[in-house]
Amino acid sequence: MFNKFFKKSSEKSLEIKQDWASYFTRVDDKPASIRLNLGLNSVAPIEKYEHRVWFSIQLLNADRNGFTTREEFPKICQIEDDISEALEKKGAIAAGALKTNGTFDVYFYISETIDIANLAAAVMQNHPDYRYATDTKIDTNWSDYFDFLYPAEFEYQTILNQRVLTNLDKEGDNPAIERAVDHWLYFQTATDRATFITAIENIGYKTLSQEKVTKDNYIFQLNISKVSNVNWNTINDNVWELITLAKENNGVYDGWGCPIAK
C-alpha cells in the first residue's frame, strides 16, 4: 500500500532520502493523521521546485474520527497510487499526505506549472464516485511542508518513540514488563543540569552519568534512568514530561533506550 509514496523519487539526480513517518495531531480542532517524508527536511526547499500541488478527495464512508474505514481503505490507496503516478511522471516530488474530517489530501512539489485540474480529471475518470478538489500555488520556502506537514517537537519525538518500540517488538519484547529505561539529555550549563536533576529525582529518576561533551551549545550531557514499562502511553507520557522539564531548564531531550524484556 502507498507504494507510490514510498518509492524513490523519479528525479534521480536529487537523491532524496526516503524517510517516511506518520503521526496523529489535530487540524482545525479535528483529529488528523499526517504522513510525510522526513528526509526532505535536509534538502528542502529544493531549487526550482517552488510549485506546491494539492489534491484532495472526499471520503465516502469516513469513521467517527474522520478517517478511512477498513472497507474504504483499499480504494483510497488506489486513488493515491493513481494520482501519485500521474504527478511523478511530471517530475513531482511527494511531500506528504493528510487525513482529517472526512477528507484525504496529498501534497507535492514540482518545478513547473502544470494543469492539475485536467490531470486530476483524467485520473478520476476511473473513480467516478468520488468528489475531489485541486489547487496549486507558489511556495518557494516550502511553507506547507515545514509549517503544516512537519511535526512539532512533541509529535516528532512521538515518531521516534514509535520507531524504538517497533524495533523492540521485532525482537519479541513484552512492553508490559517493567525494566530500567535510560534517557539522554543535554544542557547549556552545569547549573541548568543540576536543577533538572533535582526535579527528576522527585519523580523517580536516578542519575547514571554526567559528562561534558562537544555538542553545539549543549555541552553538559546527562544520562538518567527510571524503572517502567514501555507501553505506548507510558513511554510517551514519560518522554513528554522530560522534554517539558528540560525546556524549563534550557535543555534538550535526545532519546531513550532499554533492554529487551520477554
Protein backbone atom coordinates (compact mmCIF):
# COMPACT_ATOMS: atom_id res chain seq x y z
CA MET A 1 0.00 0.00 0.00
CA PHE A 2 1.03 3.59 -0.61
CA ASN A 3 3.72 2.20 -2.92
CA LYS A 4 3.95 5.35 -4.97
CA PHE A 5 4.65 7.49 -1.94
CA PHE A 6 7.39 5.22 -0.69
CA LYS A 7 9.24 4.67 -3.94
CA LYS A 8 12.34 6.64 -4.79
CA SER A 9 11.77 9.98 -6.48
CA SER A 10 11.72 9.99 -10.26
CA GLU A 11 14.23 12.85 -10.04
CA LYS A 12 17.24 10.56 -9.54
CA SER A 13 19.74 13.42 -9.60
CA LEU A 14 18.15 14.88 -6.47
CA GLU A 15 18.96 11.76 -4.43
CA ILE A 16 16.15 12.45 -1.98
CA LYS A 17 16.25 10.31 1.14
CA GLN A 18 13.05 8.36 1.74
CA ASP A 19 12.31 8.59 5.44
CA TRP A 20 8.54 8.32 5.71
CA ALA A 21 6.70 8.61 9.00
CA SER A 22 3.22 9.34 10.27
CA TYR A 23 1.75 10.89 13.38
CA PHE A 24 -1.57 11.95 14.84
CA THR A 25 -2.40 15.58 15.50
CA ARG A 26 -5.33 17.99 15.21
CA VAL A 27 -6.17 20.25 12.28
CA ASP A 28 -8.86 22.89 12.77
CA ASP A 29 -9.57 21.14 16.09
CA LYS A 30 -10.36 17.86 14.29
CA PRO A 31 -8.42 14.58 14.63
CA ALA A 32 -5.84 14.31 11.87
CA SER A 33 -3.23 11.87 10.62
CA ILE A 34 -0.23 13.23 8.73
CA ARG A 35 2.26 11.16 6.76
CA LEU A 36 5.36 12.83 5.31
CA ASN A 37 8.86 12.27 4.04
CA LEU A 38 11.09 13.50 6.86
CA GLY A 39 14.03 13.08 4.51
CA LEU A 40 13.03 16.26 2.69
CA ASN A 41 13.86 18.31 5.79
CA SER A 42 17.58 18.24 5.00
CA VAL A 43 17.26 19.29 1.34
CA ALA A 44 14.15 21.49 1.12
CA PRO A 45 13.36 23.97 -0.17
CA ILE A 46 14.65 22.49 -3.40
CA GLU A 47 15.70 25.00 -6.03
CA LYS A 48 13.13 25.43 -8.82
CA TYR A 49 10.61 23.17 -7.04
CA GLU A 50 8.50 26.10 -5.95
CA HIS A 51 5.07 24.95 -7.14
CA ARG A 52 3.05 23.23 -4.43
CA VAL A 53 0.38 20.89 -5.80
CA TRP A 54 -2.56 19.79 -3.65
CA PHE A 55 -5.12 17.10 -4.41
CA SER A 56 -8.00 16.22 -2.08
CA ILE A 57 -10.79 13.65 -2.15
CA GLN A 58 -13.91 13.40 -0.04
CA LEU A 59 -14.21 10.02 1.69
CA LEU A 60 -17.45 8.17 1.03
CA ASN A 61 -17.66 6.49 4.41
CA ALA A 62 -15.42 8.13 7.00
CA ASP A 63 -15.27 6.69 10.51
CA ARG A 64 -16.26 8.68 13.59
CA ASN A 65 -12.80 10.31 13.71
CA GLY A 66 -12.98 11.41 10.08
CA PHE A 67 -10.51 8.75 8.87
CA THR A 68 -10.89 5.96 6.32
CA THR A 69 -12.76 2.83 7.29
CA ARG A 70 -11.21 -0.60 6.76
CA GLU A 71 -13.63 -1.21 3.89
CA GLU A 72 -12.81 2.01 2.02
CA PHE A 73 -9.08 1.96 2.73
CA PRO A 74 -8.04 -0.11 -0.36
CA LYS A 75 -9.94 2.24 -2.66
CA ILE A 76 -8.25 5.31 -1.18
CA CYS A 77 -4.88 3.60 -1.59
CA GLN A 78 -5.64 3.01 -5.25
CA ILE A 79 -6.64 6.62 -5.85
CA GLU A 80 -3.48 7.78 -4.11
CA ASP A 81 -1.36 5.48 -6.25
CA ASP A 82 -3.03 6.71 -9.42
CA ILE A 83 -2.68 10.43 -8.70
CA SER A 84 0.87 9.92 -7.42
CA GLU A 85 1.90 8.07 -10.57
CA ALA A 86 0.42 10.78 -12.79
CA LEU A 87 2.20 13.55 -10.87
CA GLU A 88 5.52 11.75 -10.62
CA LYS A 89 5.51 11.31 -14.39
CA LYS A 90 5.57 15.12 -14.47
CA GLY A 91 8.59 15.15 -12.16
CA ALA A 92 6.71 16.00 -8.96
CA ILE A 93 8.15 15.18 -5.54
CA ALA A 94 5.82 13.65 -2.95
CA ALA A 95 5.92 15.63 0.29
CA GLY A 96 3.12 14.19 2.40
CA ALA A 97 -0.50 13.31 2.95
CA LEU A 98 -3.25 14.28 5.36
CA LYS A 99 -6.39 12.52 6.59
CA THR A 100 -8.87 14.59 8.56
CA ASN A 101 -12.56 15.44 8.79
CA GLY A 102 -13.60 13.00 6.06
CA THR A 103 -11.01 14.05 3.50
CA PHE A 104 -7.71 12.68 2.20
CA ASP A 105 -5.18 15.15 0.79
CA VAL A 106 -1.80 14.72 -0.86
CA TYR A 107 0.93 17.35 -1.25
CA PHE A 108 3.59 17.50 -3.97
CA TYR A 109 6.21 19.97 -5.14
CA ILE A 110 7.08 20.39 -8.80
CA SER A 111 9.45 22.54 -10.84
CA GLU A 112 6.98 23.77 -13.43
CA THR A 113 3.39 24.87 -13.71
CA ILE A 114 1.01 22.04 -14.56
CA ASP A 115 -2.70 21.85 -15.25
CA ILE A 116 -3.58 19.89 -12.12
CA ALA A 117 -7.30 20.18 -12.84
CA ASN A 118 -7.02 18.33 -16.15
CA LEU A 119 -4.54 15.81 -14.75
CA ALA A 120 -6.84 15.03 -11.81
CA ALA A 121 -9.88 14.81 -14.07
CA ALA A 122 -8.15 12.18 -16.19
CA VAL A 123 -7.21 10.16 -13.12
CA MET A 124 -10.62 10.41 -11.51
CA GLN A 125 -12.42 9.11 -14.58
CA ASN A 126 -11.60 5.71 -13.09
CA HIS A 127 -13.10 6.72 -9.73
CA PRO A 128 -16.39 8.43 -10.64
CA ASP A 129 -18.00 8.03 -7.21
CA TYR A 130 -15.53 10.39 -5.55
CA ARG A 131 -15.66 14.16 -5.26
CA TYR A 132 -12.29 15.84 -5.39
CA ALA A 133 -10.57 19.23 -5.40
CA THR A 134 -7.21 20.54 -6.60
CA ASP A 135 -5.02 23.56 -6.01
CA THR A 136 -1.58 24.87 -6.91
CA LYS A 137 0.36 27.80 -5.50
CA ILE A 138 3.84 29.24 -5.41
CA ASP A 139 5.52 28.05 -2.21
CA THR A 140 9.19 28.89 -2.67
CA ASN A 141 10.04 28.29 1.00
CA TRP A 142 8.05 25.06 1.18
CA SER A 143 5.90 26.53 3.95
CA ASP A 144 3.23 23.86 3.55
CA TYR A 145 5.86 21.23 4.24
CA PHE A 146 7.71 22.90 7.10
CA ASP A 147 4.87 24.80 8.78
CA PHE A 148 1.98 22.41 8.23
CA LEU A 149 3.03 18.84 7.45
CA TYR A 150 6.22 18.73 9.52
CA PRO A 151 5.71 17.61 13.13
CA ALA A 152 6.20 19.87 16.12
CA GLU A 153 8.71 18.87 18.79
CA PHE A 154 6.42 16.58 20.80
CA GLU A 155 4.96 14.99 17.68
CA TYR A 156 8.41 14.39 16.23
CA GLN A 157 9.52 12.67 19.41
CA THR A 158 6.41 10.50 19.25
CA ILE A 159 7.57 9.31 15.82
CA LEU A 160 10.99 8.45 17.25
CA ASN A 161 9.37 6.69 20.22
CA GLN A 162 7.33 4.54 17.88
CA ARG A 163 10.43 3.54 15.94
CA VAL A 164 12.14 2.35 19.12
CA LEU A 165 9.01 0.46 20.15
CA THR A 166 8.78 -1.14 16.71
CA ASN A 167 12.38 -2.34 16.93
CA LEU A 168 11.74 -3.75 20.39
CA ASP A 169 8.64 -5.56 19.14
CA LYS A 170 10.63 -7.14 16.31
CA GLU A 171 12.91 -8.63 18.97
CA GLY A 172 9.95 -10.15 20.82
CA ASP A 173 9.83 -7.56 23.60
CA ASN A 174 6.89 -7.55 26.03
CA PRO A 175 6.18 -3.84 26.60
CA ALA A 176 4.17 -4.53 29.78
CA ILE A 177 7.26 -5.80 31.63
CA GLU A 178 8.94 -3.13 33.73
CA ARG A 179 12.64 -2.56 33.24
CA ALA A 180 15.17 0.27 33.56
CA VAL A 181 14.61 2.78 30.76
CA ASP A 182 17.53 5.13 30.07
CA HIS A 183 17.18 8.69 28.76
CA TRP A 184 19.78 11.14 27.46
CA LEU A 185 19.63 14.93 27.69
CA TYR A 186 21.93 17.92 27.12
CA PHE A 187 22.11 21.30 28.84
CA GLN A 188 23.80 24.63 28.25
CA THR A 189 25.20 24.98 31.76
CA ALA A 190 26.08 22.73 34.67
CA THR A 191 23.65 24.74 36.80
CA ASP A 192 20.76 24.01 34.43
CA ARG A 193 21.63 20.33 34.54
CA ALA A 194 21.78 20.30 38.33
CA THR A 195 18.40 22.00 38.62
CA PHE A 196 16.91 19.47 36.22
CA ILE A 197 18.38 16.56 38.21
CA THR A 198 16.69 17.82 41.36
CA ALA A 199 13.37 17.97 39.54
CA ILE A 200 13.53 14.49 38.02
CA GLU A 201 14.74 12.81 41.19
CA ASN A 202 11.44 13.85 42.75
CA ILE A 203 9.54 11.82 40.13
CA GLY A 204 11.52 8.59 40.40
CA TYR A 205 14.55 9.01 38.13
CA LYS A 206 18.14 8.32 39.09
CA THR A 207 21.28 9.76 37.55
CA LEU A 208 23.56 7.32 35.71
CA SER A 209 26.22 9.69 34.41
CA GLN A 210 27.13 13.33 33.89
CA GLU A 211 29.63 14.24 31.19
CA LYS A 212 30.92 17.32 29.39
CA VAL A 213 30.88 16.81 25.64
CA THR A 214 31.09 18.69 22.35
CA LYS A 215 27.52 19.27 21.15
CA ASP A 216 26.92 22.80 19.89
CA ASN A 217 25.92 24.91 22.88
CA TYR A 218 24.59 21.92 24.82
CA ILE A 219 27.79 20.52 26.27
CA PHE A 220 26.56 19.15 29.60
CA GLN A 221 25.32 15.62 28.99
CA LEU A 222 23.06 13.73 31.37
CA ASN A 223 22.07 10.06 31.36
CA ILE A 224 19.19 9.13 33.66
CA SER A 225 17.08 6.04 34.27
CA LYS A 226 13.69 5.03 35.63
CA VAL A 227 12.02 1.64 36.01
CA SER A 228 8.81 1.47 33.99
CA ASN A 229 7.02 -0.46 31.29
CA VAL A 230 7.34 0.70 27.70
CA ASN A 231 3.70 0.69 26.67
CA TRP A 232 2.84 3.35 24.12
CA ASN A 233 1.11 5.69 26.55
CA THR A 234 3.66 5.21 29.32
CA ILE A 235 6.70 5.95 27.21
CA ASN A 236 5.12 8.97 25.52
CA ASP A 237 3.96 10.42 28.85
CA ASN A 238 7.39 9.94 30.39
CA VAL A 239 9.26 11.38 27.42
CA TRP A 240 6.96 14.37 27.07
CA GLU A 241 7.37 15.11 30.79
CA LEU A 242 11.16 15.03 30.43
CA ILE A 243 11.05 17.27 27.34
CA THR A 244 8.96 19.81 29.23
CA LEU A 245 11.26 19.80 32.25
CA ALA A 246 14.33 20.01 30.02
CA LYS A 247 12.96 23.03 28.17
CA GLU A 248 12.28 24.74 31.51
CA ASN A 249 16.00 24.31 32.29
CA ASN A 250 17.45 25.26 28.88
CA GLY A 251 17.99 21.64 27.95
CA VAL A 252 17.18 19.32 25.05
CA TYR A 253 15.98 15.74 25.09
CA ASP A 254 18.00 13.27 22.99
CA GLY A 255 16.23 9.92 23.15
CA TRP A 256 15.80 6.76 25.17
CA GLY A 257 16.64 3.08 25.18
CA CYS A 258 16.14 -0.05 27.24
CA PRO A 259 16.96 -3.76 27.33
CA ILE A 260 14.59 -6.24 25.71
CA ALA A 261 12.22 -7.88 28.19
CA LYS A 262 10.47 -11.20 27.50
